[in-house]
Amino acid sequence: MDIPDSYYLICTNCDQETEHEILKGEVGTGGKEITIDGVVRCQECGHTRHKVIRESNAIDVPVIVSWKTESKRKKISLYPDEWVHQGDEFIVDGSRVKVTSLEQEGNKRVSSSKVEELKTIWTRKHEKSLVKVSIHKGRNSVSKTLEVPPEEEFFIGDRLDVGKYQTVIHRIKTDEDTLRKGKARAENIVRIYTKNIR
């Protein structure tokens, strides 16, 4: 392991947490901790001192990555005292994923957790969002699915071409509400309701 260029520490001179440049040192990786035994300099006041920095080794946490109808079990390395929250994003095997649920021992589901207390992180691929669209044609309706970037926005009143259908958006159902005006990001949309115009 290479020595990092800097580290945030409590400065004994400033009496606050500041960025410290690591001037020299040695890294030890034995046991459950990584140690950096070296000389550090506060970037705020310039105070230089000897410091032993201790940090827990990363641990592997099981991750379920879902996409469409498929789910795969993977692992991600995180630090035990790090916190993970619902909605956080990670890179797992080169794919961007978003945390949908966190599971602790005893199958307890939580919205935030320390890594050391986690049993499984549930995620979905976040490179694309699957957006369901209902197209109303007179008395009938057709259901389609769009695959779009998660950050793409859809506006009430906008024209939306879905395959051979040319439609106008009149309502958007999100995770939290049903919109009749305004906009929503694809990642938050449950369904878009449209009217066929041709």
Protein backbone atom coordinates (compact mmCIF):
# COMPACT_ATOMS: atom_id res chain seq x y z
CA MET A 1 0.00 0.00 0.00
CA ASP A 2 1.28 3.48 -0.90
CA ILE A 3 1.36 6.26 1.69
CA PRO A 4 -1.40 8.82 0.97
CA ASP A 5 -0.30 12.41 0.22
CA SER A 6 -2.50 13.86 2.96
CA TYR A 7 -4.88 12.94 5.76
CA TYR A 8 -7.46 14.82 7.87
CA LEU A 9 -6.34 14.94 11.52
CA ILE A 10 -6.93 17.05 14.64
CA CYS A 11 -4.08 19.58 14.67
CA THR A 12 -2.51 19.90 18.15
CA ASN A 13 -1.71 23.55 17.38
CA CYS A 14 -4.96 24.70 15.62
CA ASP A 15 -7.12 22.46 17.84
CA GLN A 16 -9.36 21.59 14.88
CA GLU A 17 -9.55 18.97 12.14
CA THR A 18 -7.43 20.07 9.19
CA GLU A 19 -5.73 18.52 6.18
CA HIS A 20 -2.23 17.32 7.05
CA GLU A 21 0.46 16.63 4.45
CA ILE A 22 2.30 13.35 5.14
CA LEU A 23 5.98 14.26 4.73
CA LYS A 24 7.40 10.77 5.32
CA GLY A 25 6.45 7.53 6.98
CA GLU A 26 6.03 3.79 6.88
CA VAL A 27 2.89 1.74 6.33
CA GLY A 28 2.06 -1.35 8.39
CA THR A 29 -0.78 -3.66 7.32
CA GLY A 30 -0.71 -6.38 9.99
CA GLY A 31 -3.84 -7.53 11.78
CA LYS A 32 -7.14 -5.68 11.49
CA GLU A 33 -5.55 -2.24 11.14
CA ILE A 34 -3.49 -0.26 8.68
CA THR A 35 -0.99 2.03 10.40
CA ILE A 36 0.97 4.97 9.01
CA ASP A 37 3.90 5.88 11.26
CA GLY A 38 5.22 9.18 10.01
CA VAL A 39 5.73 12.93 10.10
CA VAL A 40 2.78 15.17 9.24
CA ARG A 41 2.40 18.92 8.63
CA CYS A 42 -0.82 20.89 9.12
CA GLN A 43 -1.83 22.67 5.91
CA GLU A 44 -3.43 25.51 7.93
CA CYS A 45 -0.72 26.54 10.40
CA GLY A 46 2.36 24.61 9.20
CA HIS A 47 2.84 22.79 12.55
CA THR A 48 4.91 19.61 12.04
CA ARG A 49 4.86 16.56 14.33
CA HIS A 50 5.24 12.78 14.53
CA LYS A 51 1.94 10.87 14.27
CA VAL A 52 0.83 7.24 14.14
CA ILE A 53 -2.39 7.03 12.10
CA ARG A 54 -4.51 3.92 12.62
CA GLU A 55 -7.33 2.85 10.33
CA SER A 56 -9.31 -0.40 10.18
CA ASN A 57 -8.70 -2.66 7.20
CA ALA A 58 -11.46 -2.77 4.60
CA ILE A 59 -13.86 -5.72 4.78
CA ASP A 60 -15.85 -7.44 2.01
CA VAL A 61 -19.61 -6.84 2.20
CA PRO A 62 -22.10 -8.88 0.10
CA VAL A 63 -23.95 -6.78 -2.50
CA ILE A 64 -27.01 -7.82 -4.51
CA VAL A 65 -27.04 -6.02 -7.88
CA SER A 66 -30.44 -6.07 -9.64
CA TRP A 67 -31.22 -5.10 -13.22
CA LYS A 68 -34.52 -5.82 -15.01
CA THR A 69 -35.49 -9.34 -13.86
CA GLU A 70 -31.97 -10.46 -12.90
CA SER A 71 -30.14 -10.23 -9.57
CA LYS A 72 -26.46 -11.10 -9.04
CA ARG A 73 -24.50 -11.52 -5.80
CA LYS A 74 -21.23 -9.54 -5.68
CA LYS A 75 -18.88 -8.12 -3.01
CA ILE A 76 -17.59 -4.63 -2.28
CA SER A 77 -14.71 -3.61 0.03
CA LEU A 78 -15.63 -0.93 2.59
CA TYR A 79 -14.23 0.24 5.94
CA PRO A 80 -16.02 -1.16 9.06
CA ASP A 81 -16.70 2.27 10.63
CA GLU A 82 -17.93 3.81 7.35
CA TRP A 83 -21.68 4.58 7.03
CA VAL A 84 -23.84 3.49 4.08
CA HIS A 85 -27.21 5.12 3.33
CA GLN A 86 -30.16 4.25 1.11
CA GLY A 87 -29.62 6.20 -2.13
CA ASP A 88 -25.80 6.05 -1.98
CA GLU A 89 -24.01 5.16 -5.21
CA PHE A 90 -21.06 2.79 -5.68
CA ILE A 91 -19.09 1.24 -8.52
CA VAL A 92 -19.41 -2.58 -8.41
CA ASP A 93 -17.51 -4.57 -11.06
CA GLY A 94 -17.35 -1.49 -13.27
CA SER A 95 -21.09 -0.72 -13.07
CA ARG A 96 -22.68 2.22 -11.27
CA VAL A 97 -25.23 1.00 -8.70
CA LYS A 98 -27.60 2.74 -6.29
CA VAL A 99 -28.42 1.41 -2.80
CA THR A 100 -32.11 0.49 -2.53
CA SER A 101 -32.07 -1.29 0.84
CA LEU A 102 -29.70 -2.27 3.67
CA GLU A 103 -29.97 -5.52 5.60
CA GLN A 104 -28.50 -6.14 9.05
CA GLU A 105 -28.33 -9.42 10.99
CA GLY A 106 -31.73 -10.97 11.66
CA ASN A 107 -32.99 -9.74 8.25
CA LYS A 108 -33.57 -6.28 9.74
CA ARG A 109 -34.01 -3.64 6.99
CA VAL A 110 -32.67 -0.14 7.72
CA SER A 111 -32.13 3.07 5.74
CA SER A 112 -28.62 3.75 7.17
CA SER A 113 -26.02 1.52 8.80
CA LYS A 114 -22.39 1.23 9.80
CA VAL A 115 -20.61 -1.19 7.46
CA GLU A 116 -19.59 -3.52 10.31
CA GLU A 117 -23.29 -4.08 11.14
CA LEU A 118 -24.34 -4.90 7.57
CA LYS A 119 -25.25 -8.36 6.34
CA THR A 120 -26.17 -7.38 2.73
CA ILE A 121 -26.39 -4.22 0.61
CA TRP A 122 -29.24 -4.34 -1.93
CA THR A 123 -28.71 -2.26 -5.07
CA ARG A 124 -29.88 -1.76 -8.64
CA LYS A 125 -27.81 -0.80 -11.66
CA HIS A 126 -27.93 2.95 -12.06
CA GLU A 127 -26.48 3.52 -15.53
CA LYS A 128 -29.99 3.29 -16.98
CA SER A 129 -33.47 3.61 -15.48
CA LEU A 130 -36.45 1.64 -16.73
CA VAL A 131 -39.40 4.03 -17.01
CA LYS A 132 -42.89 2.60 -17.59
CA VAL A 133 -45.14 4.61 -19.88
CA SER A 134 -48.92 4.25 -20.26
CA ILE A 135 -50.23 5.52 -23.61
CA HIS A 136 -53.96 6.32 -23.69
CA LYS A 137 -55.60 5.87 -27.11
CA GLY A 138 -59.29 6.62 -26.84
CA ARG A 139 -60.73 3.86 -24.65
CA ASN A 140 -57.61 1.70 -24.83
CA SER A 141 -54.17 2.05 -23.33
CA VAL A 142 -50.81 0.54 -24.24
CA SER A 143 -47.92 0.01 -21.83
CA LYS A 144 -44.29 0.50 -22.91
CA THR A 145 -40.94 0.72 -21.13
CA LEU A 146 -38.19 3.26 -21.86
CA GLU A 147 -34.53 2.71 -20.95
CA VAL A 148 -33.02 6.13 -20.21
CA PRO A 149 -30.23 7.72 -18.09
CA PRO A 150 -31.33 8.09 -14.41
CA GLU A 151 -30.85 11.86 -14.48
CA GLU A 152 -33.04 12.43 -17.56
CA GLU A 153 -35.98 14.72 -16.76
CA PHE A 154 -39.57 14.43 -17.99
CA PHE A 155 -41.93 17.43 -17.97
CA ILE A 156 -45.74 17.52 -17.82
CA GLY A 157 -47.01 18.82 -21.18
CA ASP A 158 -43.92 17.70 -23.12
CA ARG A 159 -44.19 15.61 -26.25
CA LEU A 160 -42.80 12.10 -25.84
CA ASP A 161 -42.18 9.73 -28.76
CA VAL A 162 -42.47 6.10 -27.66
CA GLY A 163 -41.74 3.76 -30.56
CA LYS A 164 -44.41 4.42 -33.21
CA TYR A 165 -46.53 6.51 -30.79
CA GLN A 166 -46.38 10.31 -30.57
CA THR A 167 -47.73 11.34 -27.18
CA VAL A 168 -48.01 14.18 -24.68
CA ILE A 169 -47.24 13.66 -20.97
CA HIS A 170 -50.23 14.56 -18.78
CA ARG A 171 -49.32 12.90 -15.45
CA ILE A 172 -46.23 11.43 -13.74
CA LYS A 173 -46.34 9.07 -10.76
CA THR A 174 -43.15 9.22 -8.68
CA ASP A 175 -41.98 7.35 -5.57
CA GLU A 176 -43.61 10.04 -3.42
CA ASP A 177 -46.37 11.77 -5.38
CA THR A 178 -48.48 12.07 -8.54
CA LEU A 179 -47.56 15.15 -10.57
CA ARG A 180 -49.94 17.07 -12.83
CA LYS A 181 -47.44 19.89 -13.39
CA GLY A 182 -43.68 20.24 -13.16
CA LYS A 183 -41.04 17.62 -13.85
CA ALA A 184 -39.40 14.47 -12.46
CA ARG A 185 -36.11 12.62 -12.90
CA ALA A 186 -36.25 9.16 -14.48
CA GLU A 187 -34.74 7.49 -11.39
CA ASN A 188 -37.71 8.68 -9.27
CA ILE A 189 -40.50 7.82 -11.73
CA VAL A 190 -42.85 4.88 -11.19
CA ARG A 191 -44.94 5.54 -14.32
CA ILE A 192 -45.56 8.24 -16.94
CA TYR A 193 -49.11 8.68 -18.24
CA THR A 194 -49.47 10.04 -21.77
CA LYS A 195 -52.14 10.70 -24.42
CA ASN A 196 -51.62 9.59 -27.97
CA ILE A 197 -51.70 12.58 -30.35
CA ARG A 198 -51.29 10.78 -33.66
